[in-house]
Every structure is written in structure tokens, then in C-alpha cells.
Amino acid sequence: MIPQAEAGFPRLLREWRLKRRLSQLDLALTSGVSQRHVSFLESGRANPSRNMILQLSETLEVPLRDRNAWLTAAGFAPLFRTRALEDPQMGQVLSAVRMMLTAHEPFPALALDRAWNVRMSNKSFDQMGAMLGDDIWARIGGEQRNLMRLFFHPLGIRPFVTNWSAVGPLMWSRAQREAETLGGLEMQAVLNDLAPLQPDTILWSAADTALLPVMPFEMQVGDLKMSMFAIVATFGTAQDVTADELRIETLFPADPETEALFRNAARR
């Protein structure tokens, strides 16, 4: 049996503090809460108020989905709604995402959730995917269009990426770190599913890969060559779980030839 001090809110608080690599003193100084009170909360000797939970979770940059878990574990009702993108109350968010994706054309752009499922995409991304075959998403399986499966499933994009030895470890490392720092159980499930399909060199290299400001990758499909890099943006003031977990990934040409390729494709 798990002791009371090891269950519920105390465990969640300690886990997230350790994820952020903070001591109890560090958390106390940054949150404005006394170290003694932080210690009492983690040991279960004190019960948190609703405001205390929100204060500490804000300091630790806990995602909204997990803040709801903190509140529930402490006996409070969840605060943050999880609405579908199609929900009328998500109209402004949906419109903003659609505008960003459309404005980025003729270059590819997509919106991902925290498991890297493609929630929305622009025409340029869909056209780039079609270059790999109309059945590309069916080949790699899964219930949704998942970017990790697209890259790391043996029947996905991997054979077309000419600098895979650099891109593969970088992407795997980024996904691992997101699963850890964002509490992404969904992403961890994707990684667990794909890990047995990876050569050991990818997994070993990922452990020592430093994250770069941009992620360049090069592709060749038939006679067409592309060199691109990705930039990721998030909603910084989201008050809904779905919006909080959205990632807007925009792909940019890394050379004039790739830029001309996409612009010419858009004209046609």
C-alpha cells in the first residue's frame, strides 16, 4: 500500500519540482511560499488551498491538463476546460490557428497536440505528404495522423530524409524531453510504441543530442530535393487545455532551390 504522504497531491508536487530540477528552497524563493510550508505540503502534513495549488503550479510551469490533476488530487474541482477545436467557444482559437497556417503558404505548416498528432494542416503540408504516396498515413498506422509515426515508422518518411543520422536523434530527443517536461503520457505512449522499431544507434545518439534553435532536415523524393527547417510556436496565455497543448509548427525553406520549388508548386 502507498503511504498517504506518497499519494495524491504531495506526490504530484514533488514529481513536478524534481522535473524542474528545483530544491524545496528554490521553489520557495521563486513562488513566495516558505520552504517549511513546501516541505509540509510534500510530506502531507499540510493541505493546500486552491490558490496555493494554482500559485505553485504556475511557478513550476505545469501544463493546464496537469494543473487539473493537482486540483482533483487535493479534493478540488478542475478549473480548466478541455474543449474540442470545433467547439463554438474555441472559435477564436480555431480562427487564429487557421489564419497562421494559411498565411504561411506556400510553405508547409501544421498544428500539433502534445502527442504530435496533426490537428490541422495547410495545403502545402498536405501536398508535401501526398508526394510520399496517397496512402502514407495508412501505411504507418495509428488512429490519427501522428508526426512521430510519420518520421519513425519504417514505412514512413525515413527513407526520403537524406540527413537522417542527424535529424533522427534530434527529433527523438526533443520528443523525449517534451514527454518528460510536459508530463506527456500520450507522447510517452507513442515513444514506447515506436522504440522497438528503431535501430539502437538512434536511441543511443538521442541521449546525447543537444537541442538546436532550429531543426534542419533534407529530403529527396524522386528527382525533387528539399532542404527545410522547422520553428515551433505555442499559445502563451491559453486558459483551455486544448489550446494550451497546441503547437504550431512552421517549415521554412533552407535554400533558394527549395523556396522556388514550393512557390512554383503553389502557382501550378
C-alpha atoms as a PDB file:
ATOM      1  CA  MET A   1       0.000   0.000   0.000  1.00  0.00           C
ATOM      2  CA  ILE A   2       1.218   3.508  -0.853  1.00  0.00           C
ATOM      3  CA  PRO A   3       1.559   5.712   2.264  1.00  0.00           C
ATOM      4  CA  GLN A   4      -0.721   8.752   2.335  1.00  0.00           C
ATOM      5  CA  ALA A   5       2.290  11.086   2.080  1.00  0.00           C
ATOM      6  CA  GLU A   6       3.334   9.337  -1.125  1.00  0.00           C
ATOM      7  CA  ALA A   7      -0.068   9.591  -2.800  1.00  0.00           C
ATOM      8  CA  GLY A   8      -2.166  12.351  -4.334  1.00  0.00           C
ATOM      9  CA  PHE A   9      -1.105  15.981  -4.286  1.00  0.00           C
ATOM     10  CA  PRO A  10       2.149  15.547  -2.284  1.00  0.00           C
ATOM     11  CA  ARG A  11       3.494  13.102  -4.858  1.00  0.00           C
ATOM     12  CA  LEU A  12       2.499  15.318  -7.789  1.00  0.00           C
ATOM     13  CA  LEU A  13       4.099  18.395  -6.235  1.00  0.00           C
ATOM     14  CA  ARG A  14       7.352  16.568  -5.567  1.00  0.00           C
ATOM     15  CA  GLU A  15       7.438  14.981  -9.029  1.00  0.00           C
ATOM     16  CA  TRP A  16       6.992  18.302 -10.811  1.00  0.00           C
ATOM     17  CA  ARG A  17       9.508  20.068  -8.578  1.00  0.00           C
ATOM     18  CA  LEU A  18      12.061  17.388  -9.469  1.00  0.00           C
ATOM     19  CA  LYS A  19      11.143  17.636 -13.165  1.00  0.00           C
ATOM     20  CA  ARG A  20      12.084  21.320 -12.990  1.00  0.00           C
ATOM     21  CA  ARG A  21      15.272  20.439 -11.081  1.00  0.00           C
ATOM     22  CA  LEU A  22      14.415  22.681  -8.149  1.00  0.00           C
ATOM     23  CA  SER A  23      15.104  22.142  -4.476  1.00  0.00           C
ATOM     24  CA  GLN A  24      12.407  22.940  -1.934  1.00  0.00           C
ATOM     25  CA  LEU A  25      14.295  26.136  -1.170  1.00  0.00           C
ATOM     26  CA  ASP A  26      14.412  27.090  -4.858  1.00  0.00           C
ATOM     27  CA  LEU A  27      10.672  26.554  -5.185  1.00  0.00           C
ATOM     28  CA  ALA A  28      10.027  28.538  -2.014  1.00  0.00           C
ATOM     29  CA  LEU A  29      12.075  31.503  -3.228  1.00  0.00           C
ATOM     30  CA  THR A  30      10.524  31.616  -6.702  1.00  0.00           C
ATOM     31  CA  SER A  31       6.926  31.072  -5.573  1.00  0.00           C
ATOM     32  CA  GLY A  32       6.917  33.269  -2.472  1.00  0.00           C
ATOM     33  CA  VAL A  33       5.959  30.337  -0.247  1.00  0.00           C
ATOM     34  CA  SER A  34       8.015  29.436   2.806  1.00  0.00           C
ATOM     35  CA  GLN A  35      10.314  26.436   2.500  1.00  0.00           C
ATOM     36  CA  ARG A  36       8.712  24.959   5.611  1.00  0.00           C
ATOM     37  CA  HIS A  37       5.276  25.091   4.024  1.00  0.00           C
ATOM     38  CA  VAL A  38       6.578  23.494   0.799  1.00  0.00           C
ATOM     39  CA  SER A  39       8.060  20.723   2.936  1.00  0.00           C
ATOM     40  CA  PHE A  40       4.780  20.235   4.809  1.00  0.00           C
ATOM     41  CA  LEU A  41       2.851  20.072   1.516  1.00  0.00           C
ATOM     42  CA  GLU A  42       5.178  17.440   0.059  1.00  0.00           C
ATOM     43  CA  SER A  43       5.044  15.327   3.204  1.00  0.00           C
ATOM     44  CA  GLY A  44       1.270  15.556   3.509  1.00  0.00           C
ATOM     45  CA  ARG A  45       1.470  17.340   6.871  1.00  0.00           C
ATOM     46  CA  ALA A  46      -0.365  20.340   5.387  1.00  0.00           C
ATOM     47  CA  ASN A  47      -3.255  20.510   2.925  1.00  0.00           C
ATOM     48  CA  PRO A  48      -3.011  23.048   0.085  1.00  0.00           C
ATOM     49  CA  SER A  49      -5.622  25.672  -0.633  1.00  0.00           C
ATOM     50  CA  ARG A  50      -6.914  26.091  -4.169  1.00  0.00           C
ATOM     51  CA  ASN A  51      -4.943  29.322  -4.579  1.00  0.00           C
ATOM     52  CA  MET A  52      -1.781  27.646  -3.282  1.00  0.00           C
ATOM     53  CA  ILE A  53      -2.113  24.905  -5.907  1.00  0.00           C
ATOM     54  CA  LEU A  54      -2.503  27.474  -8.678  1.00  0.00           C
ATOM     55  CA  GLN A  55       0.412  29.525  -7.341  1.00  0.00           C
ATOM     56  CA  LEU A  56       2.825  26.577  -7.177  1.00  0.00           C
ATOM     57  CA  SER A  57       1.727  25.078 -10.488  1.00  0.00           C
ATOM     58  CA  GLU A  58       2.207  28.447 -12.192  1.00  0.00           C
ATOM     59  CA  THR A  59       5.714  28.722 -10.742  1.00  0.00           C
ATOM     60  CA  LEU A  60       6.578  25.210 -11.932  1.00  0.00           C
ATOM     61  CA  GLU A  61       5.037  25.879 -15.386  1.00  0.00           C
ATOM     62  CA  VAL A  62       2.772  22.865 -15.075  1.00  0.00           C
ATOM     63  CA  PRO A  63       0.550  22.342 -18.173  1.00  0.00           C
ATOM     64  CA  LEU A  64      -3.133  23.075 -17.661  1.00  0.00           C
ATOM     65  CA  ARG A  65      -4.167  19.422 -18.000  1.00  0.00           C
ATOM     66  CA  ASP A  66      -1.874  18.527 -15.119  1.00  0.00           C
ATOM     67  CA  ARG A  67      -2.987  21.513 -13.038  1.00  0.00           C
ATOM     68  CA  ASN A  68      -6.453  19.984 -13.190  1.00  0.00           C
ATOM     69  CA  ALA A  69      -4.928  16.742 -11.899  1.00  0.00           C
ATOM     70  CA  TRP A  70      -3.345  18.659  -8.994  1.00  0.00           C
ATOM     71  CA  LEU A  71      -6.704  20.209  -8.103  1.00  0.00           C
ATOM     72  CA  THR A  72      -8.527  16.887  -8.297  1.00  0.00           C
ATOM     73  CA  ALA A  73      -5.882  15.125  -6.198  1.00  0.00           C
ATOM     74  CA  ALA A  74      -6.315  17.773  -3.492  1.00  0.00           C
ATOM     75  CA  GLY A  75     -10.106  17.452  -3.498  1.00  0.00           C
ATOM     76  CA  PHE A  76     -10.993  20.475  -5.660  1.00  0.00           C
ATOM     77  CA  ALA A  77     -12.928  20.623  -8.913  1.00  0.00           C
ATOM     78  CA  PRO A  78     -10.905  21.002 -12.132  1.00  0.00           C
ATOM     79  CA  LEU A  79     -10.598  24.629 -13.230  1.00  0.00           C
ATOM     80  CA  PHE A  80      -9.530  24.450 -16.876  1.00  0.00           C
ATOM     81  CA  ARG A  81     -11.934  23.216 -19.558  1.00  0.00           C
ATOM     82  CA  THR A  82     -10.952  20.823 -22.327  1.00  0.00           C
ATOM     83  CA  ARG A  83     -12.914  21.863 -25.389  1.00  0.00           C
ATOM     84  CA  ALA A  84     -12.775  20.325 -28.854  1.00  0.00           C
ATOM     85  CA  LEU A  85     -11.344  22.605 -31.519  1.00  0.00           C
ATOM     86  CA  GLU A  86     -14.762  22.552 -33.175  1.00  0.00           C
ATOM     87  CA  ASP A  87     -16.464  23.844 -30.011  1.00  0.00           C
ATOM     88  CA  PRO A  88     -18.130  27.246 -30.667  1.00  0.00           C
ATOM     89  CA  GLN A  89     -16.266  28.709 -27.679  1.00  0.00           C
ATOM     90  CA  MET A  90     -12.987  27.772 -29.385  1.00  0.00           C
ATOM     91  CA  GLY A  91     -13.912  29.797 -32.458  1.00  0.00           C
ATOM     92  CA  GLN A  92     -11.301  32.499 -31.879  1.00  0.00           C
ATOM     93  CA  VAL A  93      -8.522  29.956 -31.299  1.00  0.00           C
ATOM     94  CA  LEU A  94      -9.559  27.911 -34.334  1.00  0.00           C
ATOM     95  CA  SER A  95      -9.704  31.033 -36.483  1.00  0.00           C
ATOM     96  CA  ALA A  96      -6.270  32.195 -35.284  1.00  0.00           C
ATOM     97  CA  VAL A  97      -4.674  28.795 -35.977  1.00  0.00           C
ATOM     98  CA  ARG A  98      -6.282  28.626 -39.416  1.00  0.00           C
ATOM     99  CA  MET A  99      -5.021  32.134 -40.233  1.00  0.00           C
ATOM    100  CA  MET A 100      -1.465  31.264 -39.166  1.00  0.00           C
ATOM    101  CA  LEU A 101      -1.411  28.087 -41.234  1.00  0.00           C
ATOM    102  CA  THR A 102      -2.880  29.784 -44.305  1.00  0.00           C
ATOM    103  CA  ALA A 103      -0.613  32.822 -44.002  1.00  0.00           C
ATOM    104  CA  HIS A 104       2.439  30.557 -44.060  1.00  0.00           C
ATOM    105  CA  GLU A 105       1.627  29.173 -47.502  1.00  0.00           C
ATOM    106  CA  PRO A 106       3.201  28.340 -49.915  1.00  0.00           C
ATOM    107  CA  PHE A 107       5.314  26.652 -47.227  1.00  0.00           C
ATOM    108  CA  PRO A 108       4.068  23.786 -45.026  1.00  0.00           C
ATOM    109  CA  ALA A 109       2.617  24.404 -41.570  1.00  0.00           C
ATOM    110  CA  LEU A 110       0.631  22.294 -39.133  1.00  0.00           C
ATOM    111  CA  ALA A 111      -0.889  22.353 -35.656  1.00  0.00           C
ATOM    112  CA  LEU A 112       0.040  19.515 -33.284  1.00  0.00           C
ATOM    113  CA  ASP A 113      -1.200  18.407 -29.880  1.00  0.00           C
ATOM    114  CA  ARG A 114       1.258  17.343 -27.184  1.00  0.00           C
ATOM    115  CA  ALA A 115       1.454  13.794 -28.583  1.00  0.00           C
ATOM    116  CA  TRP A 116       2.332  15.282 -32.008  1.00  0.00           C
ATOM    117  CA  ASN A 117      -0.970  14.319 -33.578  1.00  0.00           C
ATOM    118  CA  VAL A 118      -1.716  16.587 -36.547  1.00  0.00           C
ATOM    119  CA  ARG A 119      -4.850  18.530 -35.606  1.00  0.00           C
ATOM    120  CA  MET A 120      -4.786  20.949 -38.554  1.00  0.00           C
ATOM    121  CA  SER A 121      -2.553  21.498 -41.586  1.00  0.00           C
ATOM    122  CA  ASN A 122      -2.321  23.802 -44.572  1.00  0.00           C
ATOM    123  CA  LYS A 123      -2.469  22.843 -48.244  1.00  0.00           C
ATOM    124  CA  SER A 124       1.311  22.924 -48.643  1.00  0.00           C
ATOM    125  CA  PHE A 125       1.821  20.343 -45.898  1.00  0.00           C
ATOM    126  CA  ASP A 126      -0.861  18.105 -47.383  1.00  0.00           C
ATOM    127  CA  GLN A 127       0.748  18.375 -50.824  1.00  0.00           C
ATOM    128  CA  MET A 128       4.172  17.510 -49.390  1.00  0.00           C
ATOM    129  CA  GLY A 129       2.652  14.477 -47.688  1.00  0.00           C
ATOM    130  CA  ALA A 130       0.994  13.389 -50.936  1.00  0.00           C
ATOM    131  CA  MET A 131       4.450  13.293 -52.555  1.00  0.00           C
ATOM    132  CA  LEU A 132       5.199  10.325 -50.288  1.00  0.00           C
ATOM    133  CA  GLY A 133       2.123   8.472 -51.525  1.00  0.00           C
ATOM    134  CA  ASP A 134      -1.597   8.930 -51.006  1.00  0.00           C
ATOM    135  CA  ASP A 135      -1.565   6.059 -48.522  1.00  0.00           C
ATOM    136  CA  ILE A 136       1.313   7.379 -46.390  1.00  0.00           C
ATOM    137  CA  TRP A 137      -0.803   7.816 -43.238  1.00  0.00           C
ATOM    138  CA  ALA A 138      -2.441   4.413 -43.660  1.00  0.00           C
ATOM    139  CA  ARG A 139       0.980   2.768 -44.100  1.00  0.00           C
ATOM    140  CA  ILE A 140       2.276   3.945 -40.763  1.00  0.00           C
ATOM    141  CA  GLY A 141      -0.877   3.021 -38.825  1.00  0.00           C
ATOM    142  CA  GLY A 142      -2.287   4.725 -35.785  1.00  0.00           C
ATOM    143  CA  GLU A 143      -5.703   6.237 -35.229  1.00  0.00           C
ATOM    144  CA  GLN A 144      -4.536   9.777 -36.027  1.00  0.00           C
ATOM    145  CA  ARG A 145      -2.013  11.469 -38.277  1.00  0.00           C
ATOM    146  CA  ASN A 146       0.971  11.429 -35.939  1.00  0.00           C
ATOM    147  CA  LEU A 147       4.197  13.231 -36.837  1.00  0.00           C
ATOM    148  CA  MET A 148       6.396  10.913 -34.762  1.00  0.00           C
ATOM    149  CA  ARG A 149       4.952   7.879 -36.531  1.00  0.00           C
ATOM    150  CA  LEU A 150       5.476   9.637 -39.876  1.00  0.00           C
ATOM    151  CA  PHE A 151       9.185  10.036 -39.133  1.00  0.00           C
ATOM    152  CA  PHE A 152       9.988   6.920 -37.123  1.00  0.00           C
ATOM    153  CA  HIS A 153       7.771   4.185 -38.552  1.00  0.00           C
ATOM    154  CA  PRO A 154       9.802   2.053 -41.012  1.00  0.00           C
ATOM    155  CA  LEU A 155       7.184   2.703 -43.737  1.00  0.00           C
ATOM    156  CA  GLY A 156       7.142   6.447 -43.147  1.00  0.00           C
ATOM    157  CA  ILE A 157       9.321   9.337 -44.233  1.00  0.00           C
ATOM    158  CA  ARG A 158      12.649   7.960 -43.024  1.00  0.00           C
ATOM    159  CA  PRO A 159      13.882   6.573 -46.423  1.00  0.00           C
ATOM    160  CA  PHE A 160      13.407  10.015 -48.002  1.00  0.00           C
ATOM    161  CA  VAL A 161      15.348  12.013 -45.362  1.00  0.00           C
ATOM    162  CA  THR A 162      18.918  12.222 -46.627  1.00  0.00           C
ATOM    163  CA  ASN A 163      20.392  13.571 -43.369  1.00  0.00           C
ATOM    164  CA  TRP A 164      18.556  11.095 -41.150  1.00  0.00           C
ATOM    165  CA  SER A 165      21.604  10.382 -38.976  1.00  0.00           C
ATOM    166  CA  ALA A 166      21.378  13.994 -37.749  1.00  0.00           C
ATOM    167  CA  VAL A 167      17.605  14.554 -37.816  1.00  0.00           C
ATOM    168  CA  GLY A 168      16.513  11.254 -36.273  1.00  0.00           C
ATOM    169  CA  PRO A 169      18.309  11.597 -32.916  1.00  0.00           C
ATOM    170  CA  LEU A 170      17.382  15.288 -32.714  1.00  0.00           C
ATOM    171  CA  MET A 171      13.651  14.628 -33.153  1.00  0.00           C
ATOM    172  CA  TRP A 172      13.650  11.643 -30.810  1.00  0.00           C
ATOM    173  CA  SER A 173      15.469  13.660 -28.155  1.00  0.00           C
ATOM    174  CA  ARG A 174      13.022  16.553 -28.494  1.00  0.00           C
ATOM    175  CA  ALA A 175      10.040  14.195 -28.117  1.00  0.00           C
ATOM    176  CA  GLN A 176      11.594  12.530 -25.064  1.00  0.00           C
ATOM    177  CA  ARG A 177      12.257  15.866 -23.378  1.00  0.00           C
ATOM    178  CA  GLU A 178       8.750  17.109 -24.104  1.00  0.00           C
ATOM    179  CA  ALA A 179       7.265  13.916 -22.675  1.00  0.00           C
ATOM    180  CA  GLU A 180       9.312  14.491 -19.520  1.00  0.00           C
ATOM    181  CA  THR A 181       8.974  18.249 -19.035  1.00  0.00           C
ATOM    182  CA  LEU A 182       5.314  18.497 -20.125  1.00  0.00           C
ATOM    183  CA  GLY A 183       4.156  15.365 -18.345  1.00  0.00           C
ATOM    184  CA  GLY A 184       3.123  13.966 -21.711  1.00  0.00           C
ATOM    185  CA  LEU A 185       1.842  10.451 -21.041  1.00  0.00           C
ATOM    186  CA  GLU A 186       0.340  10.417 -24.547  1.00  0.00           C
ATOM    187  CA  MET A 187       3.721  11.182 -26.124  1.00  0.00           C
ATOM    188  CA  GLN A 188       5.415   8.603 -23.914  1.00  0.00           C
ATOM    189  CA  ALA A 189       2.951   6.002 -25.196  1.00  0.00           C
ATOM    190  CA  VAL A 190       3.899   6.897 -28.791  1.00  0.00           C
ATOM    191  CA  LEU A 191       7.603   6.627 -27.951  1.00  0.00           C
ATOM    192  CA  ASN A 192       7.091   3.263 -26.261  1.00  0.00           C
ATOM    193  CA  ASP A 193       5.266   2.005 -29.352  1.00  0.00           C
ATOM    194  CA  LEU A 194       7.971   3.194 -31.771  1.00  0.00           C
ATOM    195  CA  ALA A 195      11.097   2.426 -29.716  1.00  0.00           C
ATOM    196  CA  PRO A 196      11.265  -1.296 -30.659  1.00  0.00           C
ATOM    197  CA  LEU A 197      11.261  -0.283 -34.344  1.00  0.00           C
ATOM    198  CA  GLN A 198      14.342   1.956 -34.005  1.00  0.00           C
ATOM    199  CA  PRO A 199      17.965   0.955 -34.518  1.00  0.00           C
ATOM    200  CA  ASP A 200      19.984   1.201 -31.322  1.00  0.00           C
ATOM    201  CA  THR A 201      22.114   3.969 -32.827  1.00  0.00           C
ATOM    202  CA  ILE A 202      19.115   6.342 -32.885  1.00  0.00           C
ATOM    203  CA  LEU A 203      18.265   5.742 -29.246  1.00  0.00           C
ATOM    204  CA  TRP A 204      21.870   5.967 -28.081  1.00  0.00           C
ATOM    205  CA  SER A 205      22.527   9.130 -30.077  1.00  0.00           C
ATOM    206  CA  ALA A 206      19.321  10.756 -28.822  1.00  0.00           C
ATOM    207  CA  ALA A 207      20.518  10.526 -25.230  1.00  0.00           C
ATOM    208  CA  ASP A 208      23.497  12.807 -26.007  1.00  0.00           C
ATOM    209  CA  THR A 209      21.862  15.113 -28.553  1.00  0.00           C
ATOM    210  CA  ALA A 210      21.778  18.820 -27.742  1.00  0.00           C
ATOM    211  CA  LEU A 211      18.664  20.692 -28.891  1.00  0.00           C
ATOM    212  CA  LEU A 212      19.341  23.360 -31.532  1.00  0.00           C
ATOM    213  CA  PRO A 213      17.396  26.596 -32.191  1.00  0.00           C
ATOM    214  CA  VAL A 214      16.090  25.118 -35.463  1.00  0.00           C
ATOM    215  CA  MET A 215      15.810  21.600 -36.830  1.00  0.00           C
ATOM    216  CA  PRO A 216      17.159  21.368 -40.402  1.00  0.00           C
ATOM    217  CA  PHE A 217      16.264  18.345 -42.491  1.00  0.00           C
ATOM    218  CA  GLU A 218      16.823  17.385 -46.117  1.00  0.00           C
ATOM    219  CA  MET A 219      14.539  15.238 -48.256  1.00  0.00           C
ATOM    220  CA  GLN A 220      14.708  13.726 -51.712  1.00  0.00           C
ATOM    221  CA  VAL A 221      11.634  12.249 -53.370  1.00  0.00           C
ATOM    222  CA  GLY A 222      12.477  11.079 -56.882  1.00  0.00           C
ATOM    223  CA  ASP A 223      14.259  13.980 -58.541  1.00  0.00           C
ATOM    224  CA  LEU A 224      12.931  16.569 -56.098  1.00  0.00           C
ATOM    225  CA  LYS A 225      15.272  17.750 -53.365  1.00  0.00           C
ATOM    226  CA  MET A 226      14.179  19.869 -50.393  1.00  0.00           C
ATOM    227  CA  SER A 227      16.060  21.415 -47.515  1.00  0.00           C
ATOM    228  CA  MET A 228      13.927  22.876 -44.710  1.00  0.00           C
ATOM    229  CA  PHE A 229      13.922  23.714 -41.034  1.00  0.00           C
ATOM    230  CA  ALA A 230      11.084  23.888 -38.502  1.00  0.00           C
ATOM    231  CA  ILE A 231      10.114  26.510 -35.927  1.00  0.00           C
ATOM    232  CA  VAL A 232       7.571  25.768 -33.189  1.00  0.00           C
ATOM    233  CA  ALA A 233       5.232  28.311 -31.570  1.00  0.00           C
ATOM    234  CA  THR A 234       2.766  27.899 -28.679  1.00  0.00           C
ATOM    235  CA  PHE A 235      -0.106  29.820 -27.092  1.00  0.00           C
ATOM    236  CA  GLY A 236       1.477  31.600 -24.166  1.00  0.00           C
ATOM    237  CA  THR A 237      -1.703  32.692 -22.345  1.00  0.00           C
ATOM    238  CA  ALA A 238      -4.038  29.774 -23.029  1.00  0.00           C
ATOM    239  CA  GLN A 239      -6.826  29.159 -20.491  1.00  0.00           C
ATOM    240  CA  ASP A 240      -8.131  25.979 -22.128  1.00  0.00           C
ATOM    241  CA  VAL A 241      -6.358  22.607 -22.062  1.00  0.00           C
ATOM    242  CA  THR A 242      -6.692  22.059 -25.815  1.00  0.00           C
ATOM    243  CA  ALA A 243      -5.269  25.494 -26.641  1.00  0.00           C
ATOM    244  CA  ASP A 244      -2.512  25.071 -24.049  1.00  0.00           C
ATOM    245  CA  GLU A 245      -1.366  21.858 -25.724  1.00  0.00           C
ATOM    246  CA  LEU A 246      -1.403  23.123 -29.314  1.00  0.00           C
ATOM    247  CA  ARG A 247       1.935  23.552 -31.110  1.00  0.00           C
ATOM    248  CA  ILE A 248       2.127  25.469 -34.380  1.00  0.00           C
ATOM    249  CA  GLU A 249       4.972  24.030 -36.445  1.00  0.00           C
ATOM    250  CA  THR A 250       6.039  26.054 -39.479  1.00  0.00           C
ATOM    251  CA  LEU A 251       8.513  24.785 -42.064  1.00  0.00           C
ATOM    252  CA  PHE A 252      10.822  27.214 -43.847  1.00  0.00           C
ATOM    253  CA  PRO A 253      12.996  26.674 -46.937  1.00  0.00           C
ATOM    254  CA  ALA A 254      16.696  26.434 -46.078  1.00  0.00           C
ATOM    255  CA  ASP A 255      17.920  27.277 -49.574  1.00  0.00           C
ATOM    256  CA  PRO A 256      16.710  29.199 -52.670  1.00  0.00           C
ATOM    257  CA  GLU A 257      16.024  25.990 -54.611  1.00  0.00           C
ATOM    258  CA  THR A 258      13.552  24.729 -52.005  1.00  0.00           C
ATOM    259  CA  GLU A 259      11.856  28.122 -51.824  1.00  0.00           C
ATOM    260  CA  ALA A 260      11.433  28.150 -55.611  1.00  0.00           C
ATOM    261  CA  LEU A 261      10.089  24.580 -55.539  1.00  0.00           C
ATOM    262  CA  PHE A 262       7.258  25.439 -53.153  1.00  0.00           C
ATOM    263  CA  ARG A 263       6.432  28.763 -54.803  1.00  0.00           C
ATOM    264  CA  ASN A 264       6.239  27.151 -58.233  1.00  0.00           C
ATOM    265  CA  ALA A 265       4.057  24.349 -56.865  1.00  0.00           C
ATOM    266  CA  ALA A 266       1.661  26.950 -55.429  1.00  0.00           C
ATOM    267  CA  ARG A 267       1.388  28.737 -58.774  1.00  0.00           C
ATOM    268  CA  ARG A 268       0.537  25.487 -60.517  1.00  0.00           C
END
